N, C-alpha and C. Protein backbone atom coordinates (compact mmCIF):
# COMPACT_ATOMS: atom_id res chain seq x y z
N MET A 1 0.84 -1.15 0.00
CA MET A 1 0.00 0.00 0.00
C MET A 1 0.90 1.24 0.00
N LYS A 2 0.51 2.21 -0.79
CA LYS A 2 1.28 3.46 -0.92
C LYS A 2 0.38 4.64 -0.60
N ALA A 3 1.01 5.75 -0.24
CA ALA A 3 0.27 6.99 0.00
C ALA A 3 1.08 8.16 -0.51
N ILE A 4 0.37 9.26 -0.72
CA ILE A 4 0.99 10.49 -1.19
C ILE A 4 0.32 11.67 -0.48
N ASN A 5 1.09 12.69 -0.19
CA ASN A 5 0.57 13.89 0.43
C ASN A 5 0.34 14.91 -0.68
N ILE A 6 -0.92 15.24 -0.91
CA ILE A 6 -1.28 16.21 -1.95
C ILE A 6 -1.92 17.41 -1.26
N ASP A 7 -1.18 18.50 -1.23
CA ASP A 7 -1.67 19.75 -0.63
C ASP A 7 -2.18 19.55 0.80
N GLY A 8 -1.44 18.77 1.59
CA GLY A 8 -1.79 18.57 2.99
C GLY A 8 -2.79 17.46 3.24
N THR A 9 -3.25 16.82 2.20
CA THR A 9 -4.19 15.69 2.35
C THR A 9 -3.48 14.41 1.93
N ILE A 10 -3.45 13.45 2.83
CA ILE A 10 -2.80 12.18 2.52
C ILE A 10 -3.81 11.26 1.87
N LYS A 11 -3.47 10.80 0.67
CA LYS A 11 -4.32 9.86 -0.06
C LYS A 11 -3.63 8.51 -0.08
N ILE A 12 -4.39 7.47 0.23
CA ILE A 12 -3.87 6.11 0.31
C ILE A 12 -4.33 5.33 -0.92
N TYR A 13 -3.40 4.58 -1.48
CA TYR A 13 -3.70 3.75 -2.65
C TYR A 13 -3.32 2.31 -2.36
N SER A 14 -4.30 1.43 -2.42
CA SER A 14 -3.98 0.01 -2.28
C SER A 14 -3.48 -0.55 -3.60
N ASN A 15 -3.78 0.16 -4.69
CA ASN A 15 -3.37 -0.25 -6.02
C ASN A 15 -3.08 1.01 -6.82
N LEU A 16 -1.88 1.19 -7.25
CA LEU A 16 -1.51 2.41 -7.96
C LEU A 16 -2.09 2.50 -9.36
N LYS A 17 -2.76 1.45 -9.81
CA LYS A 17 -3.43 1.52 -11.10
C LYS A 17 -4.52 2.59 -11.07
N SER A 18 -5.05 2.86 -9.86
CA SER A 18 -6.15 3.81 -9.74
C SER A 18 -5.68 5.25 -9.61
N TYR A 19 -4.38 5.50 -9.64
CA TYR A 19 -3.86 6.86 -9.48
C TYR A 19 -3.87 7.60 -10.81
N GLY A 20 -4.81 8.46 -10.98
CA GLY A 20 -4.86 9.39 -12.11
C GLY A 20 -4.63 8.81 -13.48
N GLY A 21 -4.84 7.54 -13.67
CA GLY A 21 -4.68 6.93 -14.98
C GLY A 21 -3.25 6.83 -15.47
N ALA A 22 -2.28 7.01 -14.58
CA ALA A 22 -0.87 6.92 -15.00
C ALA A 22 -0.55 5.47 -15.33
N LEU A 23 -0.32 5.21 -16.58
CA LEU A 23 -0.07 3.84 -17.03
C LEU A 23 1.26 3.32 -16.52
N GLY A 24 1.23 2.13 -15.99
CA GLY A 24 2.46 1.48 -15.56
C GLY A 24 2.99 1.94 -14.23
N LEU A 25 2.31 2.85 -13.55
CA LEU A 25 2.81 3.35 -12.27
C LEU A 25 2.96 2.22 -11.25
N GLN A 26 2.08 1.25 -11.30
CA GLN A 26 2.16 0.13 -10.35
C GLN A 26 3.40 -0.72 -10.56
N TYR A 27 4.08 -0.56 -11.70
CA TYR A 27 5.28 -1.34 -11.99
C TYR A 27 6.56 -0.56 -11.70
N SER A 28 6.43 0.68 -11.26
CA SER A 28 7.60 1.52 -10.99
C SER A 28 8.35 1.04 -9.76
N SER A 29 9.63 1.34 -9.74
CA SER A 29 10.45 0.98 -8.58
C SER A 29 10.11 1.91 -7.41
N ASP A 30 10.48 1.48 -6.20
CA ASP A 30 10.23 2.30 -5.02
C ASP A 30 10.91 3.66 -5.14
N SER A 31 12.13 3.70 -5.68
CA SER A 31 12.83 4.99 -5.80
C SER A 31 12.11 5.92 -6.77
N ASN A 32 11.57 5.38 -7.86
CA ASN A 32 10.81 6.21 -8.79
C ASN A 32 9.51 6.70 -8.15
N LEU A 33 8.86 5.81 -7.41
CA LEU A 33 7.62 6.20 -6.73
C LEU A 33 7.89 7.27 -5.68
N GLN A 34 8.99 7.13 -4.96
CA GLN A 34 9.34 8.12 -3.94
C GLN A 34 9.66 9.47 -4.59
N ALA A 35 10.26 9.45 -5.74
CA ALA A 35 10.53 10.70 -6.46
C ALA A 35 9.22 11.41 -6.82
N LEU A 36 8.17 10.64 -7.00
CA LEU A 36 6.85 11.22 -7.31
C LEU A 36 6.07 11.56 -6.03
N GLY A 37 6.60 11.14 -4.87
CA GLY A 37 5.94 11.44 -3.59
C GLY A 37 5.17 10.28 -2.98
N PHE A 38 5.26 9.10 -3.59
CA PHE A 38 4.58 7.92 -3.08
C PHE A 38 5.50 7.17 -2.12
N TYR A 39 5.00 6.88 -0.93
CA TYR A 39 5.78 6.15 0.07
C TYR A 39 4.91 5.04 0.66
N ASP A 40 5.58 4.06 1.25
CA ASP A 40 4.87 2.94 1.87
C ASP A 40 4.00 3.42 3.03
N VAL A 41 2.92 2.68 3.25
CA VAL A 41 2.07 2.89 4.42
C VAL A 41 2.36 1.75 5.38
N VAL A 42 2.74 2.11 6.60
CA VAL A 42 3.04 1.11 7.63
C VAL A 42 1.94 1.19 8.68
N THR A 43 1.30 0.05 8.91
CA THR A 43 0.25 -0.02 9.93
C THR A 43 0.81 -0.73 11.15
N PRO A 44 1.00 0.01 12.26
CA PRO A 44 1.55 -0.63 13.45
C PRO A 44 0.54 -1.57 14.10
N SER A 45 1.04 -2.52 14.85
CA SER A 45 0.15 -3.42 15.59
C SER A 45 -0.31 -2.72 16.86
N THR A 46 -1.46 -3.13 17.35
CA THR A 46 -2.02 -2.53 18.55
C THR A 46 -2.49 -3.61 19.51
N ASN A 47 -2.64 -3.22 20.74
CA ASN A 47 -3.28 -4.07 21.75
C ASN A 47 -4.77 -3.72 21.74
N PRO A 48 -5.60 -4.57 22.35
CA PRO A 48 -7.03 -4.25 22.40
C PRO A 48 -7.34 -2.90 23.07
N SER A 49 -6.46 -2.42 23.93
CA SER A 49 -6.69 -1.14 24.62
C SER A 49 -6.20 0.05 23.81
N GLN A 50 -5.78 -0.19 22.59
CA GLN A 50 -5.23 0.88 21.75
C GLN A 50 -6.00 0.97 20.44
N LYS A 51 -5.84 2.09 19.76
CA LYS A 51 -6.45 2.29 18.45
C LYS A 51 -5.48 3.08 17.59
N LEU A 52 -5.73 3.08 16.30
CA LEU A 52 -4.90 3.84 15.37
C LEU A 52 -5.50 5.22 15.17
N GLY A 53 -4.65 6.23 15.18
CA GLY A 53 -5.08 7.60 14.90
C GLY A 53 -5.09 7.84 13.39
N ALA A 54 -5.20 9.09 13.02
CA ALA A 54 -5.22 9.47 11.60
C ALA A 54 -3.82 9.30 11.00
N ILE A 55 -3.79 8.87 9.76
CA ILE A 55 -2.51 8.64 9.08
C ILE A 55 -1.68 9.93 9.06
N GLU A 56 -0.37 9.75 9.18
CA GLU A 56 0.54 10.91 9.18
C GLU A 56 1.87 10.51 8.57
N TRP A 57 2.66 11.51 8.25
CA TRP A 57 3.98 11.30 7.66
C TRP A 57 5.00 11.09 8.78
N ASP A 58 5.81 10.04 8.67
CA ASP A 58 6.90 9.78 9.60
C ASP A 58 8.20 10.10 8.87
N ALA A 59 8.70 11.31 9.06
CA ALA A 59 9.89 11.78 8.34
C ALA A 59 11.14 10.99 8.71
N ASP A 60 11.23 10.51 9.95
CA ASP A 60 12.40 9.76 10.38
C ASP A 60 12.57 8.46 9.61
N ASN A 61 11.43 7.83 9.25
CA ASN A 61 11.48 6.55 8.56
C ASN A 61 11.01 6.61 7.11
N SER A 62 10.66 7.79 6.64
CA SER A 62 10.18 8.00 5.27
C SER A 62 9.04 7.06 4.91
N VAL A 63 8.03 7.03 5.77
CA VAL A 63 6.83 6.24 5.52
C VAL A 63 5.62 7.02 6.05
N PHE A 64 4.47 6.64 5.55
CA PHE A 64 3.23 7.11 6.16
C PHE A 64 2.83 6.06 7.18
N THR A 65 2.34 6.50 8.31
CA THR A 65 1.97 5.56 9.35
C THR A 65 0.85 6.15 10.20
N TYR A 66 0.35 5.35 11.09
CA TYR A 66 -0.72 5.77 11.99
C TYR A 66 -0.17 5.82 13.41
N PRO A 67 -0.44 6.88 14.15
CA PRO A 67 -0.02 6.89 15.55
C PRO A 67 -0.89 5.93 16.35
N VAL A 68 -0.30 5.29 17.33
CA VAL A 68 -1.03 4.40 18.22
C VAL A 68 -1.49 5.23 19.41
N GLU A 69 -2.80 5.20 19.65
CA GLU A 69 -3.38 5.98 20.74
C GLU A 69 -4.06 5.04 21.73
N ASN A 70 -4.07 5.43 22.98
CA ASN A 70 -4.76 4.65 24.00
C ASN A 70 -6.25 4.95 23.95
N LYS A 71 -7.07 3.91 24.02
CA LYS A 71 -8.51 4.09 24.09
C LYS A 71 -8.88 4.58 25.49
N THR A 72 -10.00 5.24 25.56
CA THR A 72 -10.52 5.65 26.87
C THR A 72 -11.77 4.83 27.16
N TYR A 73 -12.02 4.58 28.42
CA TYR A 73 -13.14 3.74 28.83
C TYR A 73 -13.97 4.47 29.87
N SER A 74 -15.28 4.41 29.71
CA SER A 74 -16.16 5.05 30.68
C SER A 74 -16.33 4.19 31.92
N GLN A 75 -16.10 2.88 31.79
CA GLN A 75 -16.24 2.00 32.94
C GLN A 75 -15.08 2.20 33.91
N THR A 76 -15.34 1.89 35.16
CA THR A 76 -14.28 1.93 36.17
C THR A 76 -13.45 0.66 36.08
N VAL A 77 -12.34 0.65 36.78
CA VAL A 77 -11.49 -0.56 36.84
C VAL A 77 -12.32 -1.73 37.37
N ALA A 78 -13.10 -1.49 38.42
CA ALA A 78 -13.93 -2.55 39.01
C ALA A 78 -14.95 -3.08 38.01
N GLU A 79 -15.57 -2.19 37.24
CA GLU A 79 -16.56 -2.62 36.24
C GLU A 79 -15.91 -3.43 35.13
N LEU A 80 -14.74 -3.01 34.69
CA LEU A 80 -14.03 -3.76 33.65
C LEU A 80 -13.63 -5.14 34.15
N LYS A 81 -13.19 -5.21 35.41
CA LYS A 81 -12.83 -6.52 35.99
C LYS A 81 -14.05 -7.42 36.05
N THR A 82 -15.18 -6.87 36.50
CA THR A 82 -16.41 -7.66 36.59
C THR A 82 -16.80 -8.21 35.23
N GLN A 83 -16.73 -7.36 34.21
CA GLN A 83 -17.07 -7.78 32.85
C GLN A 83 -16.12 -8.86 32.35
N LYS A 84 -14.83 -8.68 32.59
CA LYS A 84 -13.83 -9.65 32.13
C LYS A 84 -14.04 -10.98 32.84
N ILE A 85 -14.30 -10.94 34.14
CA ILE A 85 -14.50 -12.17 34.92
C ILE A 85 -15.79 -12.87 34.49
N GLU A 86 -16.84 -12.12 34.18
CA GLU A 86 -18.07 -12.73 33.67
C GLU A 86 -17.79 -13.48 32.37
N ASN A 87 -17.01 -12.86 31.48
CA ASN A 87 -16.64 -13.52 30.21
C ASN A 87 -15.81 -14.77 30.47
N LEU A 88 -14.88 -14.67 31.41
CA LEU A 88 -14.04 -15.81 31.78
C LEU A 88 -14.91 -16.97 32.27
N LYS A 89 -15.83 -16.67 33.17
CA LYS A 89 -16.69 -17.73 33.73
C LYS A 89 -17.61 -18.32 32.68
N TYR A 90 -18.03 -17.51 31.73
CA TYR A 90 -18.84 -18.03 30.63
C TYR A 90 -18.04 -19.05 29.82
N ILE A 91 -16.80 -18.71 29.52
CA ILE A 91 -15.94 -19.62 28.74
C ILE A 91 -15.76 -20.95 29.47
N TYR A 92 -15.42 -20.88 30.75
CA TYR A 92 -15.20 -22.12 31.51
C TYR A 92 -16.52 -22.84 31.76
N GLY A 93 -17.60 -22.10 31.97
CA GLY A 93 -18.91 -22.73 32.15
C GLY A 93 -19.34 -23.48 30.91
N SER A 94 -19.05 -22.91 29.74
CA SER A 94 -19.38 -23.59 28.49
C SER A 94 -18.60 -24.89 28.34
N LYS A 95 -17.34 -24.84 28.72
CA LYS A 95 -16.51 -26.05 28.63
C LYS A 95 -17.01 -27.11 29.62
N LEU A 96 -17.35 -26.67 30.85
CA LEU A 96 -17.86 -27.61 31.85
C LEU A 96 -19.21 -28.19 31.44
N SER A 97 -20.02 -27.40 30.76
CA SER A 97 -21.36 -27.86 30.39
C SER A 97 -21.33 -29.09 29.48
N LYS A 98 -20.22 -29.27 28.78
CA LYS A 98 -20.12 -30.43 27.87
C LYS A 98 -20.07 -31.75 28.63
N THR A 99 -19.70 -31.69 29.90
CA THR A 99 -19.64 -32.92 30.70
C THR A 99 -20.65 -32.90 31.85
N ASP A 100 -21.54 -31.91 31.87
CA ASP A 100 -22.56 -31.82 32.93
C ASP A 100 -23.44 -33.06 32.98
N TRP A 101 -23.66 -33.67 31.85
CA TRP A 101 -24.56 -34.83 31.84
C TRP A 101 -24.03 -35.97 32.69
N TYR A 102 -22.69 -36.07 32.83
CA TYR A 102 -22.13 -37.08 33.72
C TYR A 102 -22.56 -36.80 35.17
N VAL A 103 -22.53 -35.53 35.54
CA VAL A 103 -22.88 -35.12 36.90
C VAL A 103 -24.36 -35.37 37.15
N VAL A 104 -25.20 -35.01 36.19
CA VAL A 104 -26.64 -35.22 36.33
C VAL A 104 -26.94 -36.72 36.43
N ARG A 105 -26.34 -37.50 35.57
CA ARG A 105 -26.56 -38.94 35.57
C ARG A 105 -26.19 -39.54 36.93
N ALA A 106 -25.04 -39.13 37.46
CA ALA A 106 -24.59 -39.66 38.75
C ALA A 106 -25.50 -39.20 39.88
N SER A 107 -25.98 -37.96 39.82
CA SER A 107 -26.83 -37.45 40.90
C SER A 107 -28.22 -38.09 40.89
N GLU A 108 -28.61 -38.64 39.75
CA GLU A 108 -29.91 -39.29 39.65
C GLU A 108 -29.81 -40.80 39.85
N GLY A 109 -28.69 -41.23 40.38
CA GLY A 109 -28.54 -42.65 40.72
C GLY A 109 -27.97 -43.50 39.61
N GLY A 110 -27.47 -42.88 38.57
CA GLY A 110 -26.89 -43.63 37.47
C GLY A 110 -25.43 -43.96 37.73
N SER A 111 -24.71 -44.20 36.68
CA SER A 111 -23.30 -44.55 36.77
C SER A 111 -22.49 -43.41 37.38
N ALA A 112 -21.41 -43.79 38.03
CA ALA A 112 -20.51 -42.80 38.62
C ALA A 112 -19.81 -42.00 37.51
N ILE A 113 -19.37 -40.81 37.88
CA ILE A 113 -18.64 -39.97 36.93
C ILE A 113 -17.25 -40.59 36.74
N PRO A 114 -16.83 -40.82 35.49
CA PRO A 114 -15.49 -41.37 35.25
C PRO A 114 -14.43 -40.45 35.87
N SER A 115 -13.38 -41.07 36.40
CA SER A 115 -12.34 -40.29 37.11
C SER A 115 -11.66 -39.27 36.20
N ASP A 116 -11.48 -39.60 34.92
CA ASP A 116 -10.83 -38.62 34.03
C ASP A 116 -11.71 -37.39 33.83
N ILE A 117 -13.04 -37.58 33.82
CA ILE A 117 -13.96 -36.45 33.70
C ILE A 117 -13.94 -35.62 34.98
N THR A 118 -13.95 -36.28 36.12
CA THR A 118 -13.87 -35.57 37.40
C THR A 118 -12.58 -34.77 37.49
N SER A 119 -11.49 -35.37 37.05
CA SER A 119 -10.19 -34.69 37.07
C SER A 119 -10.18 -33.49 36.12
N GLU A 120 -10.70 -33.68 34.91
CA GLU A 120 -10.76 -32.60 33.93
C GLU A 120 -11.60 -31.44 34.44
N ARG A 121 -12.74 -31.76 35.04
CA ARG A 121 -13.62 -30.71 35.56
C ARG A 121 -12.94 -29.95 36.71
N GLY A 122 -12.23 -30.67 37.56
CA GLY A 122 -11.50 -30.02 38.65
C GLY A 122 -10.40 -29.11 38.13
N ASP A 123 -9.69 -29.59 37.10
CA ASP A 123 -8.63 -28.78 36.49
C ASP A 123 -9.21 -27.49 35.88
N LEU A 124 -10.36 -27.62 35.23
CA LEU A 124 -10.99 -26.44 34.63
C LEU A 124 -11.39 -25.42 35.70
N ARG A 125 -11.96 -25.90 36.80
CA ARG A 125 -12.35 -24.98 37.88
C ARG A 125 -11.12 -24.31 38.50
N THR A 126 -10.03 -25.07 38.64
CA THR A 126 -8.79 -24.51 39.19
C THR A 126 -8.21 -23.45 38.25
N GLU A 127 -8.17 -23.77 36.95
CA GLU A 127 -7.67 -22.80 35.95
C GLU A 127 -8.50 -21.52 35.98
N CYS A 128 -9.80 -21.67 36.05
CA CYS A 128 -10.68 -20.51 36.06
C CYS A 128 -10.42 -19.65 37.30
N ALA A 129 -10.27 -20.28 38.45
CA ALA A 129 -10.00 -19.54 39.69
C ALA A 129 -8.66 -18.82 39.61
N THR A 130 -7.66 -19.47 39.01
CA THR A 130 -6.34 -18.85 38.86
C THR A 130 -6.42 -17.62 37.96
N LYS A 131 -7.11 -17.75 36.85
CA LYS A 131 -7.24 -16.63 35.91
C LYS A 131 -8.08 -15.50 36.52
N GLU A 132 -9.09 -15.86 37.31
CA GLU A 132 -9.87 -14.83 37.98
C GLU A 132 -8.99 -14.04 38.96
N ALA A 133 -8.12 -14.75 39.67
CA ALA A 133 -7.19 -14.07 40.59
C ALA A 133 -6.22 -13.16 39.81
N GLU A 134 -5.76 -13.62 38.64
CA GLU A 134 -4.89 -12.79 37.81
C GLU A 134 -5.60 -11.50 37.38
N ILE A 135 -6.86 -11.63 36.99
CA ILE A 135 -7.63 -10.45 36.58
C ILE A 135 -7.82 -9.51 37.77
N ASN A 136 -8.15 -10.06 38.92
CA ASN A 136 -8.35 -9.23 40.10
C ASN A 136 -7.07 -8.52 40.54
N ALA A 137 -5.91 -9.06 40.17
CA ALA A 137 -4.63 -8.44 40.53
C ALA A 137 -4.26 -7.27 39.60
N LEU A 138 -4.95 -7.14 38.47
CA LEU A 138 -4.65 -6.06 37.52
C LEU A 138 -5.13 -4.73 38.09
N SER A 139 -4.40 -3.66 37.76
CA SER A 139 -4.74 -2.38 38.39
C SER A 139 -5.04 -1.25 37.41
N THR A 140 -4.87 -1.48 36.12
CA THR A 140 -5.17 -0.41 35.16
C THR A 140 -6.22 -0.89 34.16
N LYS A 141 -6.95 0.07 33.61
CA LYS A 141 -7.97 -0.27 32.62
C LYS A 141 -7.35 -0.97 31.42
N ALA A 142 -6.22 -0.45 30.96
CA ALA A 142 -5.56 -1.04 29.78
C ALA A 142 -5.15 -2.48 30.05
N SER A 143 -4.59 -2.76 31.21
CA SER A 143 -4.14 -4.14 31.50
C SER A 143 -5.32 -5.10 31.58
N ILE A 144 -6.46 -4.61 32.04
CA ILE A 144 -7.66 -5.47 32.11
C ILE A 144 -8.17 -5.75 30.70
N VAL A 145 -8.29 -4.70 29.90
CA VAL A 145 -8.78 -4.87 28.53
C VAL A 145 -7.82 -5.75 27.72
N ASP A 146 -6.52 -5.60 27.93
CA ASP A 146 -5.52 -6.37 27.18
C ASP A 146 -5.38 -7.81 27.65
N TYR A 147 -5.91 -8.14 28.83
CA TYR A 147 -5.79 -9.50 29.36
C TYR A 147 -6.49 -10.47 28.41
N GLN A 148 -5.75 -11.44 27.94
CA GLN A 148 -6.28 -12.39 26.97
C GLN A 148 -6.96 -13.56 27.66
N LEU A 149 -8.24 -13.71 27.38
CA LEU A 149 -8.98 -14.86 27.91
C LEU A 149 -8.62 -16.09 27.08
N PRO A 150 -8.69 -17.26 27.70
CA PRO A 150 -8.32 -18.47 26.96
C PRO A 150 -9.37 -18.86 25.93
N ASN A 151 -8.91 -19.57 24.93
CA ASN A 151 -9.80 -20.15 23.93
C ASN A 151 -9.82 -21.65 24.20
N LEU A 152 -10.89 -22.12 24.82
CA LEU A 152 -10.96 -23.52 25.20
C LEU A 152 -11.61 -24.40 24.15
N ASP A 153 -11.94 -23.82 23.01
CA ASP A 153 -12.57 -24.60 21.93
C ASP A 153 -11.55 -25.35 21.09
N VAL A 154 -10.28 -25.18 21.37
CA VAL A 154 -9.24 -25.79 20.56
C VAL A 154 -9.12 -27.25 20.86
């Protein structure tokens, strides 16, 4: 992706074929494109607590790029923790629900819960409690938002 600054307005081109009908511009070398004012667009990576600002010229690196800005949140730290922990418990509850039928069967006088299922369920509850403690130990909004919940569907 390339961009050019035209009279203070940065225009981004994903394909230089669309630039003013200039034939063959997409085949030009980087040095020729730079001579015309076209430079690479670099998109930095962000955390969930960050966002990209408006594109700007980075003279030090001779590229167009986006500044990384911190998002703001109206929720308090406590509210963000509560929300994150609710999501965490939903994830683990969904995983536990797949083996709930063993528990129901055993409680209704049926076969005992297999030991590997009992062990797996205990491990899941322990993991969930550990992650909940990790979330509760966080002290900034950004660290709570950036905390990665597990994907147990794998």
